[in-house]
Structure formats: structure tokens, C-alpha cells
Amino acid sequence: MKVIRWIQNLAAIAALVLALNLADGLEISFKDACTAGVLLVLSVAMLLGRALEEERRVE
């Protein structure tokens, strides 16, 4: 289970880095902006899901 969590953490970090790199320039295309937004939403949702899972496990 810990290996899966590490993989999830790395995937979330990679998605955040990719989203920041896509939105780094001053002139970004609409496609890059949408891709960056989707990656940010997915990575935040993944991390929040893991936090809720841990909270339920503690209770």
C-alpha cells in the first residue's frame, strides 16, 4: 500500500509541475491553459481524496 501512495504522490507532483510549466509563459494557448487547469484539478482532487481516506482510517 505504501508503494501505491508514493506513486500517487509522485503523479500529483508531476502533474503540478507540468501544469506550472504549461502556464509559465506570458502568451499561452487556450489548449495549454485548459490542460494546465485540468491537471491542477485532478492533482488536487487526488490529494484531497487521499487525505479523506487517511482521516477515515484514523477514525
PDB file of N, CA and C in Angstrom:
ATOM      1  N   MET A   1       0.811  -1.199   0.000  1.00  0.00           N
ATOM      2  CA  MET A   1       0.000   0.000   0.000  1.00  0.00           C
ATOM      3  C   MET A   1       0.856   1.265   0.000  1.00  0.00           C
ATOM      4  N   LYS A   2       1.973   1.233   0.716  1.00  0.00           N
ATOM      5  CA  LYS A   2       2.813   2.427   0.765  1.00  0.00           C
ATOM      6  C   LYS A   2       3.407   2.745  -0.596  1.00  0.00           C
ATOM      7  N   VAL A   3       3.688   1.718  -1.392  1.00  0.00           N
ATOM      8  CA  VAL A   3       4.242   1.941  -2.728  1.00  0.00           C
ATOM      9  C   VAL A   3       3.220   2.667  -3.598  1.00  0.00           C
ATOM     10  N   ILE A   4       1.953   2.264  -3.493  1.00  0.00           N
ATOM     11  CA  ILE A   4       0.899   2.915  -4.276  1.00  0.00           C
ATOM     12  C   ILE A   4       0.761   4.374  -3.862  1.00  0.00           C
ATOM     13  N   ARG A   5       0.859   4.653  -2.590  1.00  0.00           N
ATOM     14  CA  ARG A   5       0.751   6.042  -2.122  1.00  0.00           C
ATOM     15  C   ARG A   5       1.917   6.884  -2.609  1.00  0.00           C
ATOM     16  N   TRP A   6       3.115   6.310  -2.625  1.00  0.00           N
ATOM     17  CA  TRP A   6       4.266   7.051  -3.151  1.00  0.00           C
ATOM     18  C   TRP A   6       4.087   7.339  -4.635  1.00  0.00           C
ATOM     19  N   ILE A   7       3.562   6.368  -5.369  1.00  0.00           N
ATOM     20  CA  ILE A   7       3.313   6.579  -6.798  1.00  0.00           C
ATOM     21  C   ILE A   7       2.266   7.672  -6.992  1.00  0.00           C
ATOM     22  N   GLN A   8       1.224   7.680  -6.157  1.00  0.00           N
ATOM     23  CA  GLN A   8       0.211   8.727  -6.244  1.00  0.00           C
ATOM     24  C   GLN A   8       0.806  10.092  -5.925  1.00  0.00           C
ATOM     25  N   ASN A   9       1.659  10.152  -4.917  1.00  0.00           N
ATOM     26  CA  ASN A   9       2.310  11.423  -4.581  1.00  0.00           C
ATOM     27  C   ASN A   9       3.166  11.919  -5.733  1.00  0.00           C
ATOM     28  N   LEU A  10       3.942  11.027  -6.325  1.00  0.00           N
ATOM     29  CA  LEU A  10       4.796  11.422  -7.447  1.00  0.00           C
ATOM     30  C   LEU A  10       3.967  11.860  -8.648  1.00  0.00           C
ATOM     31  N   ALA A  11       2.850  11.180  -8.896  1.00  0.00           N
ATOM     32  CA  ALA A  11       1.980  11.568 -10.009  1.00  0.00           C
ATOM     33  C   ALA A  11       1.368  12.944  -9.773  1.00  0.00           C
ATOM     34  N   ALA A  12       0.965  13.222  -8.545  1.00  0.00           N
ATOM     35  CA  ALA A  12       0.393  14.534  -8.235  1.00  0.00           C
ATOM     36  C   ALA A  12       1.438  15.634  -8.381  1.00  0.00           C
ATOM     37  N   ILE A  13       2.647  15.377  -7.915  1.00  0.00           N
ATOM     38  CA  ILE A  13       3.718  16.366  -8.039  1.00  0.00           C
ATOM     39  C   ILE A  13       4.069  16.587  -9.503  1.00  0.00           C
ATOM     40  N   ALA A  14       4.138  15.505 -10.273  1.00  0.00           N
ATOM     41  CA  ALA A  14       4.442  15.635 -11.702  1.00  0.00           C
ATOM     42  C   ALA A  14       3.355  16.428 -12.421  1.00  0.00           C
ATOM     43  N   ALA A  15       2.101  16.203 -12.060  1.00  0.00           N
ATOM     44  CA  ALA A  15       1.002  16.949 -12.682  1.00  0.00           C
ATOM     45  C   ALA A  15       1.079  18.427 -12.336  1.00  0.00           C
ATOM     46  N   LEU A  16       1.410  18.740 -11.089  1.00  0.00           N
ATOM     47  CA  LEU A  16       1.545  20.145 -10.699  1.00  0.00           C
ATOM     48  C   LEU A  16       2.697  20.818 -11.437  1.00  0.00           C
ATOM     49  N   VAL A  17       3.828  20.136 -11.541  1.00  0.00           N
ATOM     50  CA  VAL A  17       4.983  20.703 -12.244  1.00  0.00           C
ATOM     51  C   VAL A  17       4.655  20.916 -13.714  1.00  0.00           C
ATOM     52  N   LEU A  18       4.004  19.945 -14.333  1.00  0.00           N
ATOM     53  CA  LEU A  18       3.630  20.071 -15.741  1.00  0.00           C
ATOM     54  C   LEU A  18       2.656  21.220 -15.946  1.00  0.00           C
ATOM     55  N   ALA A  19       1.685  21.354 -15.050  1.00  0.00           N
ATOM     56  CA  ALA A  19       0.723  22.449 -15.168  1.00  0.00           C
ATOM     57  C   ALA A  19       1.409  23.801 -15.027  1.00  0.00           C
ATOM     58  N   LEU A  20       2.335  23.908 -14.096  1.00  0.00           N
ATOM     59  CA  LEU A  20       3.055  25.173 -13.925  1.00  0.00           C
ATOM     60  C   LEU A  20       3.936  25.479 -15.127  1.00  0.00           C
ATOM     61  N   ASN A  21       4.547  24.466 -15.708  1.00  0.00           N
ATOM     62  CA  ASN A  21       5.370  24.682 -16.900  1.00  0.00           C
ATOM     63  C   ASN A  21       4.526  25.105 -18.092  1.00  0.00           C
ATOM     64  N   LEU A  22       3.332  24.535 -18.230  1.00  0.00           N
ATOM     65  CA  LEU A  22       2.461  24.910 -19.338  1.00  0.00           C
ATOM     66  C   LEU A  22       1.987  26.356 -19.216  1.00  0.00           C
ATOM     67  N   ALA A  23       1.722  26.791 -17.990  1.00  0.00           N
ATOM     68  CA  ALA A  23       1.190  28.133 -17.768  1.00  0.00           C
ATOM     69  C   ALA A  23       2.278  29.142 -17.426  1.00  0.00           C
ATOM     70  N   ASP A  24       3.532  28.787 -17.637  1.00  0.00           N
ATOM     71  CA  ASP A  24       4.644  29.647 -17.239  1.00  0.00           C
ATOM     72  C   ASP A  24       4.813  30.851 -18.160  1.00  0.00           C
ATOM     73  N   GLY A  25       4.581  30.676 -19.433  1.00  0.00           N
ATOM     74  CA  GLY A  25       4.806  31.757 -20.390  1.00  0.00           C
ATOM     75  C   GLY A  25       3.743  32.839 -20.298  1.00  0.00           C
ATOM     76  N   LEU A  26       4.080  34.003 -20.836  1.00  0.00           N
ATOM     77  CA  LEU A  26       3.115  35.095 -20.843  1.00  0.00           C
ATOM     78  C   LEU A  26       2.019  34.851 -21.874  1.00  0.00           C
ATOM     79  N   GLU A  27       2.393  34.322 -23.007  1.00  0.00           N
ATOM     80  CA  GLU A  27       1.417  34.028 -24.051  1.00  0.00           C
ATOM     81  C   GLU A  27       1.219  32.518 -24.127  1.00  0.00           C
ATOM     82  N   ILE A  28       0.162  32.043 -23.489  1.00  0.00           N
ATOM     83  CA  ILE A  28      -0.130  30.615 -23.549  1.00  0.00           C
ATOM     84  C   ILE A  28      -1.392  30.411 -24.373  1.00  0.00           C
ATOM     85  N   SER A  29      -1.456  29.287 -25.026  1.00  0.00           N
ATOM     86  CA  SER A  29      -2.632  29.000 -25.845  1.00  0.00           C
ATOM     87  C   SER A  29      -3.784  28.548 -24.947  1.00  0.00           C
ATOM     88  N   PHE A  30      -4.971  28.610 -25.497  1.00  0.00           N
ATOM     89  CA  PHE A  30      -6.155  28.176 -24.760  1.00  0.00           C
ATOM     90  C   PHE A  30      -6.051  26.695 -24.412  1.00  0.00           C
ATOM     91  N   LYS A  31      -5.507  25.913 -25.331  1.00  0.00           N
ATOM     92  CA  LYS A  31      -5.350  24.471 -25.106  1.00  0.00           C
ATOM     93  C   LYS A  31      -4.413  24.207 -23.927  1.00  0.00           C
ATOM     94  N   ASP A  32      -3.282  24.923 -23.871  1.00  0.00           N
ATOM     95  CA  ASP A  32      -2.349  24.750 -22.755  1.00  0.00           C
ATOM     96  C   ASP A  32      -2.976  25.191 -21.437  1.00  0.00           C
ATOM     97  N   ALA A  33      -3.740  26.270 -21.471  1.00  0.00           N
ATOM     98  CA  ALA A  33      -4.398  26.745 -20.253  1.00  0.00           C
ATOM     99  C   ALA A  33      -5.415  25.724 -19.750  1.00  0.00           C
ATOM    100  N   CYS A  34      -6.177  25.138 -20.673  1.00  0.00           N
ATOM    101  CA  CYS A  34      -7.156  24.113 -20.281  1.00  0.00           C
ATOM    102  C   CYS A  34      -6.462  22.870 -19.739  1.00  0.00           C
ATOM    103  N   THR A  35      -5.393  22.465 -20.395  1.00  0.00           N
ATOM    104  CA  THR A  35      -4.642  21.294 -19.935  1.00  0.00           C
ATOM    105  C   THR A  35      -4.075  21.531 -18.543  1.00  0.00           C
ATOM    106  N   ALA A  36      -3.501  22.702 -18.322  1.00  0.00           N
ATOM    107  CA  ALA A  36      -2.946  23.030 -17.009  1.00  0.00           C
ATOM    108  C   ALA A  36      -4.042  23.047 -15.951  1.00  0.00           C
ATOM    109  N   GLY A  37      -5.187  23.612 -16.275  1.00  0.00           N
ATOM    110  CA  GLY A  37      -6.299  23.650 -15.324  1.00  0.00           C
ATOM    111  C   GLY A  37      -6.796  22.264 -14.965  1.00  0.00           C
ATOM    112  N   VAL A  38      -6.934  21.410 -15.963  1.00  0.00           N
ATOM    113  CA  VAL A  38      -7.390  20.040 -15.712  1.00  0.00           C
ATOM    114  C   VAL A  38      -6.375  19.291 -14.856  1.00  0.00           C
ATOM    115  N   LEU A  39      -5.093  19.447 -15.153  1.00  0.00           N
ATOM    116  CA  LEU A  39      -4.064  18.773 -14.354  1.00  0.00           C
ATOM    117  C   LEU A  39      -4.082  19.254 -12.907  1.00  0.00           C
ATOM    118  N   LEU A  40      -4.269  20.550 -12.703  1.00  0.00           N
ATOM    119  CA  LEU A  40      -4.338  21.072 -11.341  1.00  0.00           C
ATOM    120  C   LEU A  40      -5.545  20.515 -10.592  1.00  0.00           C
ATOM    121  N   VAL A  41      -6.694  20.495 -11.241  1.00  0.00           N
ATOM    122  CA  VAL A  41      -7.904  19.974 -10.593  1.00  0.00           C
ATOM    123  C   VAL A  41      -7.737  18.497 -10.250  1.00  0.00           C
ATOM    124  N   LEU A  42      -7.201  17.713 -11.177  1.00  0.00           N
ATOM    125  CA  LEU A  42      -7.021  16.284 -10.917  1.00  0.00           C
ATOM    126  C   LEU A  42      -6.030  16.020  -9.795  1.00  0.00           C
ATOM    127  N   SER A  43      -4.930  16.766  -9.767  1.00  0.00           N
ATOM    128  CA  SER A  43      -3.939  16.527  -8.717  1.00  0.00           C
ATOM    129  C   SER A  43      -4.465  16.946  -7.350  1.00  0.00           C
ATOM    130  N   VAL A  44      -5.194  18.059  -7.283  1.00  0.00           N
ATOM    131  CA  VAL A  44      -5.776  18.481  -6.006  1.00  0.00           C
ATOM    132  C   VAL A  44      -6.840  17.480  -5.558  1.00  0.00           C
ATOM    133  N   ALA A  45      -7.653  16.996  -6.492  1.00  0.00           N
ATOM    134  CA  ALA A  45      -8.674  16.004  -6.142  1.00  0.00           C
ATOM    135  C   ALA A  45      -8.033  14.722  -5.624  1.00  0.00           C
ATOM    136  N   MET A  46      -6.934  14.305  -6.240  1.00  0.00           N
ATOM    137  CA  MET A  46      -6.250  13.098  -5.792  1.00  0.00           C
ATOM    138  C   MET A  46      -5.704  13.281  -4.376  1.00  0.00           C
ATOM    139  N   LEU A  47      -5.088  14.414  -4.120  1.00  0.00           N
ATOM    140  CA  LEU A  47      -4.523  14.644  -2.791  1.00  0.00           C
ATOM    141  C   LEU A  47      -5.614  14.790  -1.736  1.00  0.00           C
ATOM    142  N   LEU A  48      -6.720  15.456  -2.068  1.00  0.00           N
ATOM    143  CA  LEU A  48      -7.823  15.571  -1.114  1.00  0.00           C
ATOM    144  C   LEU A  48      -8.464  14.213  -0.845  1.00  0.00           C
ATOM    145  N   GLY A  49      -8.586  13.401  -1.875  1.00  0.00           N
ATOM    146  CA  GLY A  49      -9.121  12.054  -1.694  1.00  0.00           C
ATOM    147  C   GLY A  49      -8.260  11.223  -0.771  1.00  0.00           C
ATOM    148  N   ARG A  50      -6.961  11.353  -0.929  1.00  0.00           N
ATOM    149  CA  ARG A  50      -6.055  10.611  -0.045  1.00  0.00           C
ATOM    150  C   ARG A  50      -6.158  11.121   1.381  1.00  0.00           C
ATOM    151  N   ALA A  51      -6.298  12.436   1.564  1.00  0.00           N
ATOM    152  CA  ALA A  51      -6.418  12.997   2.906  1.00  0.00           C
ATOM    153  C   ALA A  51      -7.705  12.515   3.575  1.00  0.00           C
ATOM    154  N   LEU A  52      -8.803  12.483   2.830  1.00  0.00           N
ATOM    155  CA  LEU A  52     -10.058  11.979   3.390  1.00  0.00           C
ATOM    156  C   LEU A  52      -9.962  10.498   3.735  1.00  0.00           C
ATOM    157  N   GLU A  53      -9.277   9.741   2.893  1.00  0.00           N
ATOM    158  CA  GLU A  53      -9.093   8.315   3.158  1.00  0.00           C
ATOM    159  C   GLU A  53      -8.296   8.105   4.443  1.00  0.00           C
ATOM    160  N   GLU A  54      -7.257   8.889   4.640  1.00  0.00           N
ATOM    161  CA  GLU A  54      -6.452   8.783   5.865  1.00  0.00           C
ATOM    162  C   GLU A  54      -7.273   9.187   7.082  1.00  0.00           C
ATOM    163  N   GLU A  55      -8.100  10.228   6.935  1.00  0.00           N
ATOM    164  CA  GLU A  55      -8.921  10.679   8.053  1.00  0.00           C
ATOM    165  C   GLU A  55      -9.928   9.602   8.449  1.00  0.00           C
ATOM    166  N   ARG A  56     -10.527   8.954   7.473  1.00  0.00           N
ATOM    167  CA  ARG A  56     -11.473   7.872   7.766  1.00  0.00           C
ATOM    168  C   ARG A  56     -10.771   6.690   8.410  1.00  0.00           C
ATOM    169  N   ARG A  57      -9.556   6.434   7.993  1.00  0.00           N
ATOM    170  CA  ARG A  57      -8.804   5.306   8.535  1.00  0.00           C
ATOM    171  C   ARG A  57      -8.457   5.545  10.005  1.00  0.00           C
ATOM    172  N   VAL A  58      -8.188   6.799  10.375  1.00  0.00           N
ATOM    173  CA  VAL A  58      -7.837   7.126  11.757  1.00  0.00           C
ATOM    174  C   VAL A  58      -9.046   6.942  12.665  1.00  0.00           C
ATOM    175  N   GLU A  59     -10.221   7.300  12.171  1.00  0.00           N
ATOM    176  CA  GLU A  59     -11.443   7.178  12.984  1.00  0.00           C
ATOM    177  C   GLU A  59     -11.801   5.756  13.119  1.00  0.00           C
TER     178      GLU A  59
END
